[in-house]
Amino acid sequence: MKHTTLVIMAAGIGSRFGGGIKQLEPVGPGGEIIMDYSIYDALQAGFDKVVFIIRKDLEKDFKDVIGDRIEKTVPVEYAFQELDDLPEGFLKPESRKKPWGTGQAVLSIRGLVDGPFLVINADDYYGKEGFRKIHDYMVNEMDEDAAVYDLCMGGFMLVNTLSENGGVTRGVCQLGENGYLKNVTETYDIKRTGDSLTAADEKGNPVHVDLSCHVSMNMWGLPVSFLNELEKGFPEFLKGIQEGDIKSEYLLPKIIDKLVEEGRASVKVLETPDRWFGVTYKEDKQAVVDSLRALIEQGFYPEKLY
């Protein structure tokens, strides 16, 4: 049996959340945070290890709130995403405050995993189906030695991933034959305005999106060899940053989209009907609390998870 690891990206600053540590906001009846439910679902699906990607300055708070507790249930390790964790020959720009993106975050786990792993965001609730489908794919179908990277992802419907309190960023997907990804495009500020749906590209230009399209929620199933690709690509990304640009990010969806376009990766989209919810804005919190309470009352979760 393959060992499978759940990797949780929790190093984000959370600027839209008002500067607080949004990943550590209690939302469950016993003070649980969203990560508790993701870990619970992942363990039920068969994952047998958890790696938290955090910032060093969050370590104490993080362990107090969740890390020390989860260690009693499953093996846990920590990776640290830091602005100055750069390849040889590169220095952090003085004015840069933002982390380098999800590609650098995942690169920080090198040496901590030895088999396929699932990457998720800390502040997103994904539902049970995606964990089960990705685990089963990684164990039963993923070819870790293939010349073309064999990847998979949780495919959500856009209509199930919107916030009532502002715009969201999603990787809008086009699918080809047999449910494989053709491309994924980072699309910004997607929101409902009355009966219409608005969105923008990375330059702020309006783009059309459809409520029924598939989107990526950063729920990627990856072979451990993919870390080599991230390591090779990070210096190239850094070389391409224009002077004065302090916001560009090394993003998993863009990296994967490029590999698919070049024929160097295939991505099986594993459709999930589950409804996303998360704390993107402070105003989202009560909706998350209410949604989790409803799931508990419907028997999806016990009142006390662990």
C-alpha atoms as a PDB file:
ATOM      1  CA  MET A   1       0.000   0.000   0.000  1.00  0.00           C
ATOM      2  CA  LYS A   2       1.339   3.418  -0.959  1.00  0.00           C
ATOM      3  CA  HIS A   3       1.789   5.966   1.787  1.00  0.00           C
ATOM      4  CA  THR A   4      -0.106   9.166   1.049  1.00  0.00           C
ATOM      5  CA  THR A   5       0.425  12.550   2.674  1.00  0.00           C
ATOM      6  CA  LEU A   6      -1.934  15.476   3.161  1.00  0.00           C
ATOM      7  CA  VAL A   7      -0.085  18.784   2.680  1.00  0.00           C
ATOM      8  CA  ILE A   8      -1.860  21.852   4.053  1.00  0.00           C
ATOM      9  CA  MET A   9      -0.794  25.310   2.912  1.00  0.00           C
ATOM     10  CA  ALA A  10      -1.248  27.632   5.898  1.00  0.00           C
ATOM     11  CA  ALA A  11       1.431  30.286   5.426  1.00  0.00           C
ATOM     12  CA  GLY A  12      -0.824  32.971   3.892  1.00  0.00           C
ATOM     13  CA  ILE A  13      -0.857  36.363   5.565  1.00  0.00           C
ATOM     14  CA  GLY A  14      -4.640  36.670   5.250  1.00  0.00           C
ATOM     15  CA  SER A  15      -4.739  40.351   4.259  1.00  0.00           C
ATOM     16  CA  ARG A  16      -8.382  40.186   3.136  1.00  0.00           C
ATOM     17  CA  PHE A  17      -9.213  38.784   6.545  1.00  0.00           C
ATOM     18  CA  GLY A  18      -8.098  42.019   8.202  1.00  0.00           C
ATOM     19  CA  GLY A  19      -4.525  40.977   8.965  1.00  0.00           C
ATOM     20  CA  GLY A  20      -5.468  38.210  11.398  1.00  0.00           C
ATOM     21  CA  ILE A  21      -4.593  34.545  11.217  1.00  0.00           C
ATOM     22  CA  LYS A  22      -7.712  33.436   9.386  1.00  0.00           C
ATOM     23  CA  GLN A  23      -6.614  29.792   9.213  1.00  0.00           C
ATOM     24  CA  LEU A  24      -6.888  29.597  13.022  1.00  0.00           C
ATOM     25  CA  GLU A  25     -10.402  31.026  13.403  1.00  0.00           C
ATOM     26  CA  PRO A  26     -12.654  28.635  15.392  1.00  0.00           C
ATOM     27  CA  VAL A  27     -15.745  27.609  13.401  1.00  0.00           C
ATOM     28  CA  GLY A  28     -16.827  24.258  14.917  1.00  0.00           C
ATOM     29  CA  PRO A  29     -18.958  23.681  18.040  1.00  0.00           C
ATOM     30  CA  GLY A  30     -15.908  22.642  20.063  1.00  0.00           C
ATOM     31  CA  GLY A  31     -13.621  25.379  18.737  1.00  0.00           C
ATOM     32  CA  GLU A  32     -12.527  23.344  15.703  1.00  0.00           C
ATOM     33  CA  ILE A  33     -11.025  25.194  12.751  1.00  0.00           C
ATOM     34  CA  ILE A  34     -11.605  24.391   9.072  1.00  0.00           C
ATOM     35  CA  MET A  35      -8.363  22.383   8.928  1.00  0.00           C
ATOM     36  CA  ASP A  36      -9.742  19.992  11.557  1.00  0.00           C
ATOM     37  CA  TYR A  37     -12.503  18.943   9.160  1.00  0.00           C
ATOM     38  CA  SER A  38     -10.126  18.589   6.195  1.00  0.00           C
ATOM     39  CA  ILE A  39      -7.794  16.402   8.251  1.00  0.00           C
ATOM     40  CA  TYR A  40     -10.712  14.320   9.526  1.00  0.00           C
ATOM     41  CA  ASP A  41     -11.943  13.749   5.955  1.00  0.00           C
ATOM     42  CA  ALA A  42      -8.434  12.953   4.714  1.00  0.00           C
ATOM     43  CA  LEU A  43      -7.818  10.370   7.442  1.00  0.00           C
ATOM     44  CA  GLN A  44     -11.152   8.722   6.681  1.00  0.00           C
ATOM     45  CA  ALA A  45     -10.133   8.591   3.008  1.00  0.00           C
ATOM     46  CA  GLY A  46      -6.880   6.795   3.900  1.00  0.00           C
ATOM     47  CA  PHE A  47      -4.168   9.452   4.146  1.00  0.00           C
ATOM     48  CA  ASP A  48      -1.600   8.541   6.788  1.00  0.00           C
ATOM     49  CA  LYS A  49       0.533  11.657   7.337  1.00  0.00           C
ATOM     50  CA  VAL A  50       0.059  15.439   7.517  1.00  0.00           C
ATOM     51  CA  VAL A  51       2.553  18.154   6.596  1.00  0.00           C
ATOM     52  CA  PHE A  52       1.689  21.723   7.589  1.00  0.00           C
ATOM     53  CA  ILE A  53       3.269  24.536   5.564  1.00  0.00           C
ATOM     54  CA  ILE A  54       3.420  27.577   7.812  1.00  0.00           C
ATOM     55  CA  ARG A  55       5.546  30.634   8.504  1.00  0.00           C
ATOM     56  CA  LYS A  56       8.097  30.408  11.276  1.00  0.00           C
ATOM     57  CA  ASP A  57       6.472  33.285  13.164  1.00  0.00           C
ATOM     58  CA  LEU A  58       3.180  31.325  13.296  1.00  0.00           C
ATOM     59  CA  GLU A  59       4.718  28.163  14.705  1.00  0.00           C
ATOM     60  CA  LYS A  60       3.821  28.587  18.383  1.00  0.00           C
ATOM     61  CA  ASP A  61       0.241  29.765  17.743  1.00  0.00           C
ATOM     62  CA  PHE A  62      -0.233  27.073  15.155  1.00  0.00           C
ATOM     63  CA  LYS A  63       0.938  24.245  17.395  1.00  0.00           C
ATOM     64  CA  ASP A  64      -1.155  25.553  20.298  1.00  0.00           C
ATOM     65  CA  VAL A  65      -4.324  25.741  18.213  1.00  0.00           C
ATOM     66  CA  ILE A  66      -4.064  22.571  16.115  1.00  0.00           C
ATOM     67  CA  GLY A  67      -0.626  21.041  15.595  1.00  0.00           C
ATOM     68  CA  ASP A  68      -0.063  19.508  19.033  1.00  0.00           C
ATOM     69  CA  ARG A  69      -3.580  18.082  19.009  1.00  0.00           C
ATOM     70  CA  ILE A  70      -3.320  16.513  15.540  1.00  0.00           C
ATOM     71  CA  GLU A  71       0.029  14.907  16.405  1.00  0.00           C
ATOM     72  CA  LYS A  72      -1.887  12.620  18.783  1.00  0.00           C
ATOM     73  CA  THR A  73      -3.870  11.219  15.849  1.00  0.00           C
ATOM     74  CA  VAL A  74      -1.497  11.085  12.863  1.00  0.00           C
ATOM     75  CA  PRO A  75       2.225  11.683  12.146  1.00  0.00           C
ATOM     76  CA  VAL A  76       2.804  15.406  11.582  1.00  0.00           C
ATOM     77  CA  GLU A  77       5.692  17.404  10.131  1.00  0.00           C
ATOM     78  CA  TYR A  78       6.211  21.107   9.479  1.00  0.00           C
ATOM     79  CA  ALA A  79       7.596  22.947   6.481  1.00  0.00           C
ATOM     80  CA  PHE A  80       8.276  26.670   6.541  1.00  0.00           C
ATOM     81  CA  GLN A  81       7.548  29.041   3.692  1.00  0.00           C
ATOM     82  CA  GLU A  82       9.754  32.100   4.095  1.00  0.00           C
ATOM     83  CA  LEU A  83      10.428  35.067   1.834  1.00  0.00           C
ATOM     84  CA  ASP A  84      14.167  34.557   2.039  1.00  0.00           C
ATOM     85  CA  ASP A  85      14.068  30.814   1.222  1.00  0.00           C
ATOM     86  CA  LEU A  86      15.444  31.416  -2.269  1.00  0.00           C
ATOM     87  CA  PRO A  87      17.801  29.575  -4.629  1.00  0.00           C
ATOM     88  CA  GLU A  88      21.469  30.451  -4.510  1.00  0.00           C
ATOM     89  CA  GLY A  89      22.177  33.796  -6.147  1.00  0.00           C
ATOM     90  CA  PHE A  90      18.794  35.390  -5.368  1.00  0.00           C
ATOM     91  CA  LEU A  91      17.954  37.904  -2.635  1.00  0.00           C
ATOM     92  CA  LYS A  92      14.582  38.978  -1.270  1.00  0.00           C
ATOM     93  CA  PRO A  93      13.597  42.464  -2.480  1.00  0.00           C
ATOM     94  CA  GLU A  94      13.527  44.854   0.479  1.00  0.00           C
ATOM     95  CA  SER A  95       9.946  45.947  -0.236  1.00  0.00           C
ATOM     96  CA  ARG A  96       8.551  42.427  -0.724  1.00  0.00           C
ATOM     97  CA  LYS A  97       6.058  41.445   2.009  1.00  0.00           C
ATOM     98  CA  LYS A  98       3.987  38.787   0.260  1.00  0.00           C
ATOM     99  CA  PRO A  99       5.024  35.082   0.136  1.00  0.00           C
ATOM    100  CA  TRP A 100       6.225  33.800  -3.233  1.00  0.00           C
ATOM    101  CA  GLY A 101       3.074  31.770  -3.929  1.00  0.00           C
ATOM    102  CA  THR A 102       1.787  28.213  -3.813  1.00  0.00           C
ATOM    103  CA  GLY A 103       4.616  26.821  -5.955  1.00  0.00           C
ATOM    104  CA  GLN A 104       7.225  27.959  -3.429  1.00  0.00           C
ATOM    105  CA  ALA A 105       4.982  26.769  -0.573  1.00  0.00           C
ATOM    106  CA  VAL A 106       4.877  23.221  -1.920  1.00  0.00           C
ATOM    107  CA  LEU A 107       8.583  23.299  -2.740  1.00  0.00           C
ATOM    108  CA  SER A 108       9.238  23.814   0.988  1.00  0.00           C
ATOM    109  CA  ILE A 109       8.144  20.211   1.745  1.00  0.00           C
ATOM    110  CA  ARG A 110      11.088  18.673  -0.146  1.00  0.00           C
ATOM    111  CA  GLY A 111      12.631  15.976   2.011  1.00  0.00           C
ATOM    112  CA  LEU A 112       9.458  15.516   4.065  1.00  0.00           C
ATOM    113  CA  VAL A 113       7.460  13.272   1.690  1.00  0.00           C
ATOM    114  CA  ASP A 114       8.475  10.074  -0.083  1.00  0.00           C
ATOM    115  CA  GLY A 115       5.290   9.280  -2.003  1.00  0.00           C
ATOM    116  CA  PRO A 116       2.236  10.904  -3.581  1.00  0.00           C
ATOM    117  CA  PHE A 117       0.711  13.824  -1.731  1.00  0.00           C
ATOM    118  CA  LEU A 118      -2.421  15.958  -1.795  1.00  0.00           C
ATOM    119  CA  VAL A 119      -2.079  19.734  -1.534  1.00  0.00           C
ATOM    120  CA  ILE A 120      -4.924  21.822  -0.098  1.00  0.00           C
ATOM    121  CA  ASN A 121      -5.505  25.311   1.291  1.00  0.00           C
ATOM    122  CA  ALA A 122      -5.856  25.678   5.048  1.00  0.00           C
ATOM    123  CA  ASP A 123      -8.874  27.968   4.933  1.00  0.00           C
ATOM    124  CA  ASP A 124     -11.042  26.040   2.454  1.00  0.00           C
ATOM    125  CA  TYR A 125     -13.616  23.372   3.280  1.00  0.00           C
ATOM    126  CA  TYR A 126     -13.615  20.822   0.447  1.00  0.00           C
ATOM    127  CA  GLY A 127     -16.096  18.126   1.483  1.00  0.00           C
ATOM    128  CA  LYS A 128     -15.449  14.406   1.703  1.00  0.00           C
ATOM    129  CA  GLU A 129     -15.696  13.317  -1.935  1.00  0.00           C
ATOM    130  CA  GLY A 130     -12.550  15.006  -3.220  1.00  0.00           C
ATOM    131  CA  PHE A 131     -10.338  13.439  -0.541  1.00  0.00           C
ATOM    132  CA  ARG A 132     -11.697   9.976  -1.247  1.00  0.00           C
ATOM    133  CA  LYS A 133     -11.384  10.231  -5.036  1.00  0.00           C
ATOM    134  CA  ILE A 134      -7.883  11.698  -4.991  1.00  0.00           C
ATOM    135  CA  HIS A 135      -6.618   9.175  -2.454  1.00  0.00           C
ATOM    136  CA  ASP A 136      -8.012   6.297  -4.510  1.00  0.00           C
ATOM    137  CA  TYR A 137      -6.493   7.696  -7.714  1.00  0.00           C
ATOM    138  CA  MET A 138      -3.070   8.186  -6.148  1.00  0.00           C
ATOM    139  CA  VAL A 139      -3.040   4.674  -4.665  1.00  0.00           C
ATOM    140  CA  ASN A 140      -4.594   2.720  -7.521  1.00  0.00           C
ATOM    141  CA  GLU A 141      -3.919   4.646 -10.747  1.00  0.00           C
ATOM    142  CA  MET A 142      -1.148   7.234 -10.449  1.00  0.00           C
ATOM    143  CA  ASP A 143       2.027   6.235 -12.297  1.00  0.00           C
ATOM    144  CA  GLU A 144       4.765   7.910 -10.276  1.00  0.00           C
ATOM    145  CA  ASP A 145       7.471   6.879 -12.745  1.00  0.00           C
ATOM    146  CA  ALA A 146       5.753   8.056 -15.920  1.00  0.00           C
ATOM    147  CA  ALA A 147       7.764  10.219 -18.319  1.00  0.00           C
ATOM    148  CA  VAL A 148       4.789  12.608 -18.322  1.00  0.00           C
ATOM    149  CA  TYR A 149       3.823  13.776 -14.827  1.00  0.00           C
ATOM    150  CA  ASP A 150       0.662  11.929 -13.750  1.00  0.00           C
ATOM    151  CA  LEU A 151      -1.374  14.408 -11.691  1.00  0.00           C
ATOM    152  CA  CYS A 152      -4.963  14.697 -10.502  1.00  0.00           C
ATOM    153  CA  MET A 153      -7.136  17.402  -9.018  1.00  0.00           C
ATOM    154  CA  GLY A 154     -10.468  17.923  -7.306  1.00  0.00           C
ATOM    155  CA  GLY A 155     -12.813  19.453  -9.875  1.00  0.00           C
ATOM    156  CA  PHE A 156     -15.422  21.724  -8.294  1.00  0.00           C
ATOM    157  CA  MET A 157     -18.303  23.474 -10.034  1.00  0.00           C
ATOM    158  CA  LEU A 158     -17.899  27.250  -9.915  1.00  0.00           C
ATOM    159  CA  VAL A 159     -21.469  27.699  -8.678  1.00  0.00           C
ATOM    160  CA  ASN A 160     -20.519  25.756  -5.535  1.00  0.00           C
ATOM    161  CA  THR A 161     -17.452  27.874  -4.733  1.00  0.00           C
ATOM    162  CA  LEU A 162     -18.605  31.505  -4.580  1.00  0.00           C
ATOM    163  CA  SER A 163     -18.602  33.809  -1.536  1.00  0.00           C
ATOM    164  CA  GLU A 164     -21.583  35.972  -0.682  1.00  0.00           C
ATOM    165  CA  ASN A 165     -19.238  38.646   0.670  1.00  0.00           C
ATOM    166  CA  GLY A 166     -16.910  39.523  -2.191  1.00  0.00           C
ATOM    167  CA  GLY A 167     -14.915  38.314  -5.154  1.00  0.00           C
ATOM    168  CA  VAL A 168     -12.895  35.094  -5.172  1.00  0.00           C
ATOM    169  CA  THR A 169      -9.988  33.822  -7.248  1.00  0.00           C
ATOM    170  CA  ARG A 170     -10.426  30.457  -8.959  1.00  0.00           C
ATOM    171  CA  GLY A 171      -8.518  28.389 -11.481  1.00  0.00           C
ATOM    172  CA  VAL A 172     -11.080  28.114 -14.289  1.00  0.00           C
ATOM    173  CA  CYS A 173     -10.629  24.787 -16.085  1.00  0.00           C
ATOM    174  CA  GLN A 174     -11.285  23.509 -19.564  1.00  0.00           C
ATOM    175  CA  LEU A 175     -11.608  19.737 -19.845  1.00  0.00           C
ATOM    176  CA  GLY A 176     -10.732  17.515 -22.771  1.00  0.00           C
ATOM    177  CA  GLU A 177     -11.448  13.892 -23.474  1.00  0.00           C
ATOM    178  CA  ASN A 178     -11.991  11.423 -20.619  1.00  0.00           C
ATOM    179  CA  GLY A 179     -12.037  14.157 -17.995  1.00  0.00           C
ATOM    180  CA  TYR A 180      -8.435  15.311 -18.425  1.00  0.00           C
ATOM    181  CA  LEU A 181      -7.460  18.943 -17.984  1.00  0.00           C
ATOM    182  CA  LYS A 182      -6.847  20.975 -21.159  1.00  0.00           C
ATOM    183  CA  ASN A 183      -5.929  24.188 -19.383  1.00  0.00           C
ATOM    184  CA  VAL A 184      -6.453  26.120 -16.173  1.00  0.00           C
ATOM    185  CA  THR A 185      -6.593  29.911 -16.055  1.00  0.00           C
ATOM    186  CA  GLU A 186      -6.293  31.913 -12.854  1.00  0.00           C
ATOM    187  CA  THR A 187      -9.385  34.134 -12.841  1.00  0.00           C
ATOM    188  CA  TYR A 188      -9.881  36.928 -10.345  1.00  0.00           C
ATOM    189  CA  ASP A 189     -12.642  38.768  -8.492  1.00  0.00           C
ATOM    190  CA  ILE A 190     -15.358  36.301  -9.511  1.00  0.00           C
ATOM    191  CA  LYS A 191     -18.629  37.376  -7.927  1.00  0.00           C
ATOM    192  CA  ARG A 192     -22.351  37.532  -8.418  1.00  0.00           C
ATOM    193  CA  THR A 193     -23.787  40.993  -8.981  1.00  0.00           C
ATOM    194  CA  GLY A 194     -27.543  40.675  -9.028  1.00  0.00           C
ATOM    195  CA  ASP A 195     -28.358  38.073 -11.660  1.00  0.00           C
ATOM    196  CA  SER A 196     -25.030  38.413 -13.454  1.00  0.00           C
ATOM    197  CA  LEU A 197     -21.551  36.998 -12.880  1.00  0.00           C
ATOM    198  CA  THR A 198     -18.449  39.153 -13.224  1.00  0.00           C
ATOM    199  CA  ALA A 199     -14.760  38.228 -13.299  1.00  0.00           C
ATOM    200  CA  ALA A 200     -11.385  39.576 -14.393  1.00  0.00           C
ATOM    201  CA  ASP A 201      -8.079  38.324 -15.753  1.00  0.00           C
ATOM    202  CA  GLU A 202      -4.760  39.005 -14.014  1.00  0.00           C
ATOM    203  CA  LYS A 203      -4.577  42.470 -15.616  1.00  0.00           C
ATOM    204  CA  GLY A 204      -8.052  43.407 -14.409  1.00  0.00           C
ATOM    205  CA  ASN A 205      -9.773  43.065 -17.784  1.00  0.00           C
ATOM    206  CA  PRO A 206     -13.327  41.663 -17.682  1.00  0.00           C
ATOM    207  CA  VAL A 207     -13.679  38.002 -18.725  1.00  0.00           C
ATOM    208  CA  HIS A 208     -16.640  35.691 -19.140  1.00  0.00           C
ATOM    209  CA  VAL A 209     -17.094  32.710 -16.844  1.00  0.00           C
ATOM    210  CA  ASP A 210     -19.944  30.241 -16.587  1.00  0.00           C
ATOM    211  CA  LEU A 211     -21.480  29.072 -13.319  1.00  0.00           C
ATOM    212  CA  SER A 212     -21.333  25.465 -14.516  1.00  0.00           C
ATOM    213  CA  CYS A 213     -17.618  25.464 -15.380  1.00  0.00           C
ATOM    214  CA  HIS A 214     -15.100  23.405 -13.436  1.00  0.00           C
ATOM    215  CA  VAL A 215     -12.654  25.215 -11.190  1.00  0.00           C
ATOM    216  CA  SER A 216      -9.531  24.292  -9.289  1.00  0.00           C
ATOM    217  CA  MET A 217      -9.538  25.002  -5.559  1.00  0.00           C
ATOM    218  CA  ASN A 218      -5.851  24.152  -5.099  1.00  0.00           C
ATOM    219  CA  MET A 219      -6.704  20.525  -4.403  1.00  0.00           C
ATOM    220  CA  TRP A 220      -3.915  18.804  -6.324  1.00  0.00           C
ATOM    221  CA  GLY A 221      -2.764  15.188  -6.172  1.00  0.00           C
ATOM    222  CA  LEU A 222       0.948  15.118  -7.053  1.00  0.00           C
ATOM    223  CA  PRO A 223       3.754  12.536  -7.286  1.00  0.00           C
ATOM    224  CA  VAL A 224       6.840  13.253  -5.211  1.00  0.00           C
ATOM    225  CA  SER A 225       8.864  13.680  -8.433  1.00  0.00           C
ATOM    226  CA  PHE A 226       6.874  16.868  -9.086  1.00  0.00           C
ATOM    227  CA  LEU A 227       8.989  18.597  -6.434  1.00  0.00           C
ATOM    228  CA  ASN A 228      11.954  18.338  -8.824  1.00  0.00           C
ATOM    229  CA  GLU A 229       9.958  20.315 -11.396  1.00  0.00           C
ATOM    230  CA  LEU A 230       9.134  23.015  -8.846  1.00  0.00           C
ATOM    231  CA  GLU A 231      12.786  23.236  -7.837  1.00  0.00           C
ATOM    232  CA  LYS A 232      13.931  23.647 -11.456  1.00  0.00           C
ATOM    233  CA  GLY A 233      11.245  26.181 -12.276  1.00  0.00           C
ATOM    234  CA  PHE A 234      11.603  28.515  -9.290  1.00  0.00           C
ATOM    235  CA  PRO A 235      14.882  30.169 -10.418  1.00  0.00           C
ATOM    236  CA  GLU A 236      13.410  30.681 -13.898  1.00  0.00           C
ATOM    237  CA  PHE A 237      10.372  32.380 -12.355  1.00  0.00           C
ATOM    238  CA  LEU A 238      12.592  34.642 -10.237  1.00  0.00           C
ATOM    239  CA  LYS A 239      14.721  35.603 -13.251  1.00  0.00           C
ATOM    240  CA  GLY A 240      11.595  36.720 -15.080  1.00  0.00           C
ATOM    241  CA  ILE A 241      10.370  39.158 -12.431  1.00  0.00           C
ATOM    242  CA  GLN A 242      10.581  42.772 -13.553  1.00  0.00           C
ATOM    243  CA  GLU A 243      12.361  45.287 -11.340  1.00  0.00           C
ATOM    244  CA  GLY A 244       9.911  46.854  -8.896  1.00  0.00           C
ATOM    245  CA  ASP A 245       7.410  43.988  -9.156  1.00  0.00           C
ATOM    246  CA  ILE A 246       6.698  42.925  -5.562  1.00  0.00           C
ATOM    247  CA  LYS A 247       3.514  40.946  -6.175  1.00  0.00           C
ATOM    248  CA  SER A 248       4.262  38.257  -8.780  1.00  0.00           C
ATOM    249  CA  GLU A 249       3.763  34.732  -7.427  1.00  0.00           C
ATOM    250  CA  TYR A 250       5.002  31.276  -8.383  1.00  0.00           C
ATOM    251  CA  LEU A 251       1.578  29.639  -8.615  1.00  0.00           C
ATOM    252  CA  LEU A 252       0.737  25.935  -8.872  1.00  0.00           C
ATOM    253  CA  PRO A 253      -2.122  26.394 -11.383  1.00  0.00           C
ATOM    254  CA  LYS A 254       0.136  28.369 -13.748  1.00  0.00           C
ATOM    255  CA  ILE A 255       2.974  25.869 -13.382  1.00  0.00           C
ATOM    256  CA  ILE A 256       0.673  22.916 -14.054  1.00  0.00           C
ATOM    257  CA  ASP A 257      -1.078  24.675 -16.944  1.00  0.00           C
ATOM    258  CA  LYS A 258       2.288  25.252 -18.626  1.00  0.00           C
ATOM    259  CA  LEU A 259       3.294  21.601 -18.182  1.00  0.00           C
ATOM    260  CA  VAL A 260      -0.012  20.433 -19.675  1.00  0.00           C
ATOM    261  CA  GLU A 261       0.404  22.820 -22.628  1.00  0.00           C
ATOM    262  CA  GLU A 262       3.909  21.451 -23.240  1.00  0.00           C
ATOM    263  CA  GLY A 263       2.674  17.854 -23.057  1.00  0.00           C
ATOM    264  CA  ARG A 264       4.774  17.190 -19.958  1.00  0.00           C
ATOM    265  CA  ALA A 265       1.886  16.536 -17.567  1.00  0.00           C
ATOM    266  CA  SER A 266      -1.574  14.996 -17.639  1.00  0.00           C
ATOM    267  CA  VAL A 267      -4.153  15.943 -15.020  1.00  0.00           C
ATOM    268  CA  LYS A 268      -7.155  13.756 -14.270  1.00  0.00           C
ATOM    269  CA  VAL A 269     -10.022  15.969 -13.077  1.00  0.00           C
ATOM    270  CA  LEU A 270     -11.939  14.109 -10.374  1.00  0.00           C
ATOM    271  CA  GLU A 271     -15.296  15.838 -10.211  1.00  0.00           C
ATOM    272  CA  THR A 272     -16.796  16.486  -6.805  1.00  0.00           C
ATOM    273  CA  PRO A 273     -20.342  17.732  -6.196  1.00  0.00           C
ATOM    274  CA  ASP A 274     -19.498  19.041  -2.732  1.00  0.00           C
ATOM    275  CA  ARG A 275     -20.076  22.686  -1.886  1.00  0.00           C
ATOM    276  CA  TRP A 276     -17.024  24.694  -0.914  1.00  0.00           C
ATOM    277  CA  PHE A 277     -17.029  27.170   1.885  1.00  0.00           C
ATOM    278  CA  GLY A 278     -14.234  29.107   3.491  1.00  0.00           C
ATOM    279  CA  VAL A 279     -13.191  32.209   5.380  1.00  0.00           C
ATOM    280  CA  THR A 280     -11.972  34.536   2.666  1.00  0.00           C
ATOM    281  CA  TYR A 281     -13.565  37.547   4.371  1.00  0.00           C
ATOM    282  CA  LYS A 282     -14.460  38.105   8.030  1.00  0.00           C
ATOM    283  CA  GLU A 283     -18.111  38.180   7.020  1.00  0.00           C
ATOM    284  CA  ASP A 284     -17.810  34.581   5.767  1.00  0.00           C
ATOM    285  CA  LYS A 285     -17.265  33.175   9.239  1.00  0.00           C
ATOM    286  CA  GLN A 286     -20.903  32.895  10.341  1.00  0.00           C
ATOM    287  CA  ALA A 287     -21.865  31.114   7.118  1.00  0.00           C
ATOM    288  CA  VAL A 288     -19.084  28.577   7.757  1.00  0.00           C
ATOM    289  CA  VAL A 289     -20.246  28.053  11.351  1.00  0.00           C
ATOM    290  CA  ASP A 290     -23.835  27.524  10.172  1.00  0.00           C
ATOM    291  CA  SER A 291     -22.800  25.179   7.345  1.00  0.00           C
ATOM    292  CA  LEU A 292     -20.725  22.982   9.639  1.00  0.00           C
ATOM    293  CA  ARG A 293     -23.525  22.863  12.205  1.00  0.00           C
ATOM    294  CA  ALA A 294     -25.896  21.656   9.457  1.00  0.00           C
ATOM    295  CA  LEU A 295     -23.436  18.939   8.372  1.00  0.00           C
ATOM    296  CA  ILE A 296     -23.092  17.757  11.972  1.00  0.00           C
ATOM    297  CA  GLU A 297     -26.876  17.617  12.366  1.00  0.00           C
ATOM    298  CA  GLN A 298     -27.095  15.609   9.113  1.00  0.00           C
ATOM    299  CA  GLY A 299     -24.604  13.065  10.480  1.00  0.00           C
ATOM    300  CA  PHE A 300     -21.619  13.908   8.258  1.00  0.00           C
ATOM    301  CA  TYR A 301     -19.466  14.717  11.291  1.00  0.00           C
ATOM    302  CA  PRO A 302     -19.593  13.861  14.989  1.00  0.00           C
ATOM    303  CA  GLU A 303     -20.046  16.704  17.461  1.00  0.00           C
ATOM    304  CA  LYS A 304     -16.475  16.046  18.648  1.00  0.00           C
ATOM    305  CA  LEU A 305     -14.098  15.183  15.804  1.00  0.00           C
ATOM    306  CA  TYR A 306     -11.231  13.602  17.753  1.00  0.00           C
END
